[in-house]
Every structure is written in structure tokens, then in C-alpha cells.
Protein backbone atom coordinates (compact mmCIF):
# COMPACT_ATOMS: atom_id res chain seq x y z
CA MET A 1 -86.70 141.59 -42.52
CA LYS A 2 -89.59 144.03 -42.82
CA PRO A 3 -90.23 146.54 -40.04
CA PRO A 4 -93.47 146.04 -38.08
CA GLU A 5 -96.51 147.83 -39.42
CA PHE A 6 -98.25 150.42 -37.29
CA ASP A 7 -101.55 149.07 -35.97
CA GLU A 8 -103.74 152.16 -35.60
CA LYS A 9 -106.73 150.18 -34.24
CA ASN A 10 -104.84 148.94 -31.16
CA TRP A 11 -102.62 151.96 -30.51
CA LYS A 12 -103.36 153.80 -27.26
CA PRO A 13 -101.42 156.94 -26.38
CA VAL A 14 -100.31 157.51 -22.80
CA PRO A 15 -102.75 160.00 -21.26
CA ARG A 16 -100.90 163.27 -20.72
CA VAL A 17 -101.07 165.42 -17.63
CA GLN A 18 -100.78 169.15 -18.28
CA GLU A 19 -97.19 170.13 -17.60
CA TRP A 20 -96.68 172.70 -14.89
CA PRO A 21 -95.87 176.22 -15.96
CA VAL A 22 -92.21 177.10 -15.94
CA TYR A 23 -91.69 178.24 -12.38
CA GLN A 24 -90.42 181.42 -10.95
CA PRO A 25 -88.12 179.75 -8.43
CA GLU A 26 -88.73 182.26 -5.66
CA ALA A 27 -92.43 181.23 -5.57
CA ILE A 28 -91.93 177.58 -4.50
CA LYS A 29 -90.21 175.56 -1.76
CA LEU A 30 -86.57 174.74 -2.50
CA ILE A 31 -85.63 171.26 -1.23
CA THR A 32 -81.99 171.03 -2.25
CA THR A 33 -79.47 171.91 -4.93
CA THR A 34 -76.71 169.93 -6.61
CA TYR A 35 -73.94 170.70 -9.06
CA GLU A 36 -72.99 168.47 -11.97
CA LYS A 37 -70.34 168.75 -14.68
CA ARG A 38 -71.48 167.35 -18.05
CA GLY A 39 -68.63 167.47 -20.52
CA SER A 40 -67.65 171.12 -20.71
CA SER A 41 -70.95 172.40 -19.26
CA ASP A 42 -71.86 173.18 -15.66
CA TYR A 43 -75.29 172.19 -14.38
CA ASP A 44 -76.72 173.69 -11.20
CA TRP A 45 -79.84 171.64 -10.53
CA LYS A 46 -82.45 172.85 -8.07
CA PHE A 47 -85.06 170.53 -6.60
CA TYR A 48 -88.39 172.05 -5.57
CA PHE A 49 -91.57 170.73 -3.93
CA ARG A 50 -95.02 172.08 -4.63
CA GLN A 51 -98.48 170.51 -4.31
CA GLU A 52 -97.18 166.91 -4.17
CA ILE A 53 -94.91 167.48 -7.19
CA LEU A 54 -91.12 167.20 -7.26
CA ILE A 55 -89.73 169.75 -9.71
CA ILE A 56 -86.18 169.49 -11.04
CA TYR A 57 -85.16 172.83 -12.51
CA ARG A 58 -82.16 174.47 -14.14
CA TYR A 59 -81.64 177.61 -16.15
CA LEU A 60 -78.75 179.11 -18.04
CA ASP A 61 -78.53 182.66 -19.33
CA THR A 62 -76.59 183.07 -22.58
CA ILE A 63 -76.33 185.43 -25.52
CA SER A 64 -77.75 184.39 -28.89
CA PRO A 65 -74.93 183.96 -31.40
CA PHE A 66 -77.36 185.04 -34.13
CA SER A 67 -79.02 188.15 -32.72
CA GLY A 68 -76.77 189.08 -29.80
CA THR A 69 -79.80 189.23 -27.49
CA PRO A 70 -80.01 187.49 -24.08
CA ILE A 71 -81.60 184.03 -23.94
CA ARG A 72 -82.68 182.03 -20.88
CA HIS A 73 -82.47 178.26 -21.44
CA ILE A 74 -84.71 176.33 -19.04
CA GLU A 75 -84.88 172.63 -18.21
CA GLN A 76 -87.72 171.56 -15.95
CA TYR A 77 -88.92 168.06 -15.06
CA GLU A 78 -91.93 167.22 -12.90
CA PHE A 79 -92.62 163.99 -11.02
CA PRO A 80 -95.12 163.05 -8.35
CA ILE A 81 -93.22 163.34 -5.07
CA GLN A 82 -93.74 159.58 -4.51
CA GLY A 83 -91.71 159.15 -7.70
CA ALA A 84 -88.51 159.74 -5.71
CA ARG A 85 -89.17 156.56 -3.67
CA TRP A 86 -90.35 154.71 -6.79
CA PHE A 87 -87.08 155.56 -8.56
CA VAL A 88 -84.89 154.53 -5.61
CA ASP A 89 -86.73 151.23 -5.14
CA ASN A 90 -86.80 150.34 -8.84
CA ILE A 91 -83.29 151.30 -9.98
CA LYS A 92 -82.09 148.30 -7.95
CA ARG A 93 -84.05 145.96 -10.24
CA PHE A 94 -81.54 146.63 -13.03
CA PHE A 95 -78.81 144.93 -10.96
CA LEU A 96 -80.64 141.73 -9.98
CA LYS A 97 -79.87 138.58 -11.93
CA PRO A 98 -82.63 137.48 -14.32
CA GLY A 99 -84.91 135.07 -12.53
CA GLU A 100 -84.45 136.66 -9.09
CA PRO A 101 -87.65 138.08 -7.55
CA GLY A 102 -88.24 141.59 -8.90
CA ALA A 103 -85.51 141.35 -11.56
CA LEU A 104 -86.05 142.67 -15.05
CA PRO A 105 -86.05 140.05 -17.82
CA ALA A 106 -82.58 139.59 -19.35
CA HIS A 107 -83.55 141.35 -22.59
CA LYS A 108 -85.14 144.44 -20.94
CA PHE A 109 -83.33 147.78 -20.62
CA SER A 110 -86.26 149.80 -19.33
CA LEU A 111 -89.05 149.70 -16.80
CA THR A 112 -92.36 151.56 -16.97
CA GLU A 113 -95.07 151.59 -14.28
CA TYR A 114 -97.72 153.85 -12.87
CA CYS A 115 -96.86 155.77 -9.73
CA GLY A 116 -100.18 157.20 -8.64
CA ASP A 117 -101.81 158.68 -11.73
CA GLU A 118 -98.60 159.23 -13.68
CA LYS A 119 -96.64 156.78 -15.79
CA LEU A 120 -92.96 156.79 -14.78
CA GLY A 121 -90.05 154.96 -16.30
CA ILE A 122 -86.37 154.19 -15.94
CA SER A 123 -84.26 153.36 -18.98
CA ARG A 124 -80.66 152.25 -19.31
CA LEU A 125 -78.82 154.58 -21.69
CA ALA A 126 -75.73 153.66 -23.69
CA ASP A 127 -75.07 157.34 -24.45
CA CYS A 128 -76.52 159.48 -21.69
CA TYR A 129 -74.50 162.59 -22.55
CA ALA A 130 -70.93 163.20 -23.63
CA SER A 131 -70.67 159.52 -24.72
CA THR A 132 -71.27 158.38 -21.13
CA PRO A 133 -73.58 155.51 -20.13
CA GLY A 134 -76.29 156.23 -17.61
CA TYR A 135 -79.98 156.11 -16.77
CA CYS A 136 -83.02 158.16 -17.62
CA PHE A 137 -85.82 158.90 -15.14
CA LYS A 138 -88.92 159.55 -17.26
CA ASN A 139 -92.36 160.96 -16.66
CA GLN A 140 -94.28 159.64 -19.64
CA SER A 141 -97.40 161.47 -18.53
CA ARG A 142 -95.89 164.93 -19.04
CA CYS A 143 -94.40 166.56 -22.12
CA GLU A 144 -91.10 168.43 -22.08
CA HIS A 145 -91.02 172.21 -21.86
CA PRO A 146 -91.83 174.26 -23.80
CA ASP A 147 -94.73 172.51 -25.54
CA GLN A 148 -92.81 169.56 -26.92
CA ASP A 149 -94.29 166.20 -27.81
CA LEU A 150 -91.63 164.08 -26.10
CA CYS A 151 -92.02 162.94 -22.52
CA GLN A 152 -89.95 164.51 -19.76
CA CYS A 153 -86.62 162.65 -19.37
CA PHE A 154 -84.06 163.49 -16.70
CA ASP A 155 -80.75 161.88 -17.74
CA MET A 156 -78.05 160.88 -15.22
CA SER A 157 -74.67 159.36 -16.00
CA ASP A 158 -73.60 156.30 -14.02
CA GLU A 159 -71.08 158.43 -12.16
CA ALA A 160 -73.55 161.22 -11.36
CA LEU A 161 -76.14 158.67 -10.19
CA PHE A 162 -74.01 156.34 -8.08
CA LYS A 163 -71.18 158.48 -6.70
CA GLU A 164 -71.20 159.39 -3.02
CA GLY A 165 -73.70 162.24 -2.67
CA GLY A 166 -74.96 161.62 -6.23
CA PHE A 167 -78.49 161.55 -7.59
CA LEU A 168 -79.35 158.18 -6.01
CA ALA A 169 -78.44 159.55 -2.57
CA LEU A 170 -80.32 162.76 -3.35
CA PHE A 171 -83.53 160.95 -4.44
CA THR A 172 -83.22 158.71 -1.34
CA GLU A 173 -82.94 161.78 0.92
CA ILE A 174 -85.93 163.47 -0.76
CA ALA A 175 -88.05 160.30 -0.38
CA GLU A 176 -87.11 159.94 3.29
CA ARG A 177 -87.79 163.61 4.04
CA TYR A 178 -91.19 163.37 2.37
CA GLU A 179 -92.05 160.17 4.27
CA ARG A 180 -91.13 161.89 7.57
CA GLY A 181 -93.42 164.82 6.67
CA GLU A 182 -90.56 167.32 6.40
CA LEU A 183 -91.60 168.63 2.99
CA GLU A 184 -95.15 169.59 3.92
CA GLU A 185 -96.07 173.07 2.78
CA LYS A 186 -96.95 175.46 5.59
CA PRO A 187 -100.01 177.69 5.05
């Protein structure tokens, strides 16, 4: 079987939104924090809100094994704040039986839709991290930091997503707080 040929005439890239600069955390509104263990690594995620954008941020200071100089590793993901509700409402579609209203087709392992002006997605992952299945919450309208070509993808293991107080509960809480007007920025 031959692989499909690339059809340059009909290919349309997803329009990209300029990614936000890497934030200085003290300059924006902190919503919440959460801790996650991924294999042998500790992840302290911070969730921020600024100008209708939900920012998921983490940094880790280490020493370069090559030069011995300090390095700051940064992970930052940006979603429209309405993306929290979109994620919560759409993750459920992965668990409906094919044929039920709103269910994904039996052969689909991902969902992509526009949420406002940005193209968001959810994908089922066989190997999220540390050989663990999970899900990926994607913003296909923004590239990863720093200046990478791949879209922003926030991976969550099944356990981290669905456990009590996990990411699903956290995204639900953020969506509800936004809908009640509790995240509004004060002048």
C-alpha cells in the first residue's frame, strides 16, 4: 500500500495566533495551582487568567550537565478562557457509545473544533507520558514555546485527569468561576 500523496493545492494551514510572551508570574492573576507526579518528576502547575486567556504555566530550575550553568525550563500553554468549559463538555463525548447523540464515530480518537477564534482539540493518547494512557488538550492556533512549529499540547494521564480533585475537576471549577464572573480582572 502506497502512502497518500501530499496535495499542495488543497492544503490549508490552521491560522496561527501569536503566542503570548512567557509570563513573569507575578504580573498576572493566579487562579489556582496543582501538583502532579509524572514518573520520577514533580510538576507544580500554575493556572493564570489574563485578558480572556487561561494560561497553564510551569517552570523548573536546573543546572546544565554540559556547561554547569543554571537553566530555567518553562512550559506554558494558552487557551481562550471559554476553552475550560469546552474541554469539560467535550471530554464526555469520548465515553458515549457510537451512534448516541454527540458521540464520536467509533474510529475517531480525537476531536477538533473552534472555540471562539481558536481551534482547540482533545486527543486520546496511548502513551501520554511514562507509558501511561491519557488525553491531550490542544490549542492548534498557537505554537509551543519557545518559537516551535508544533501546536500547544497539554497532556494529562487518565489518573491525573479523572481522579478526585484532578484536572477535570480543576477545569470544571475554572469554567464555573469564569461563568459566575469571579475571574474578572479589576482595574
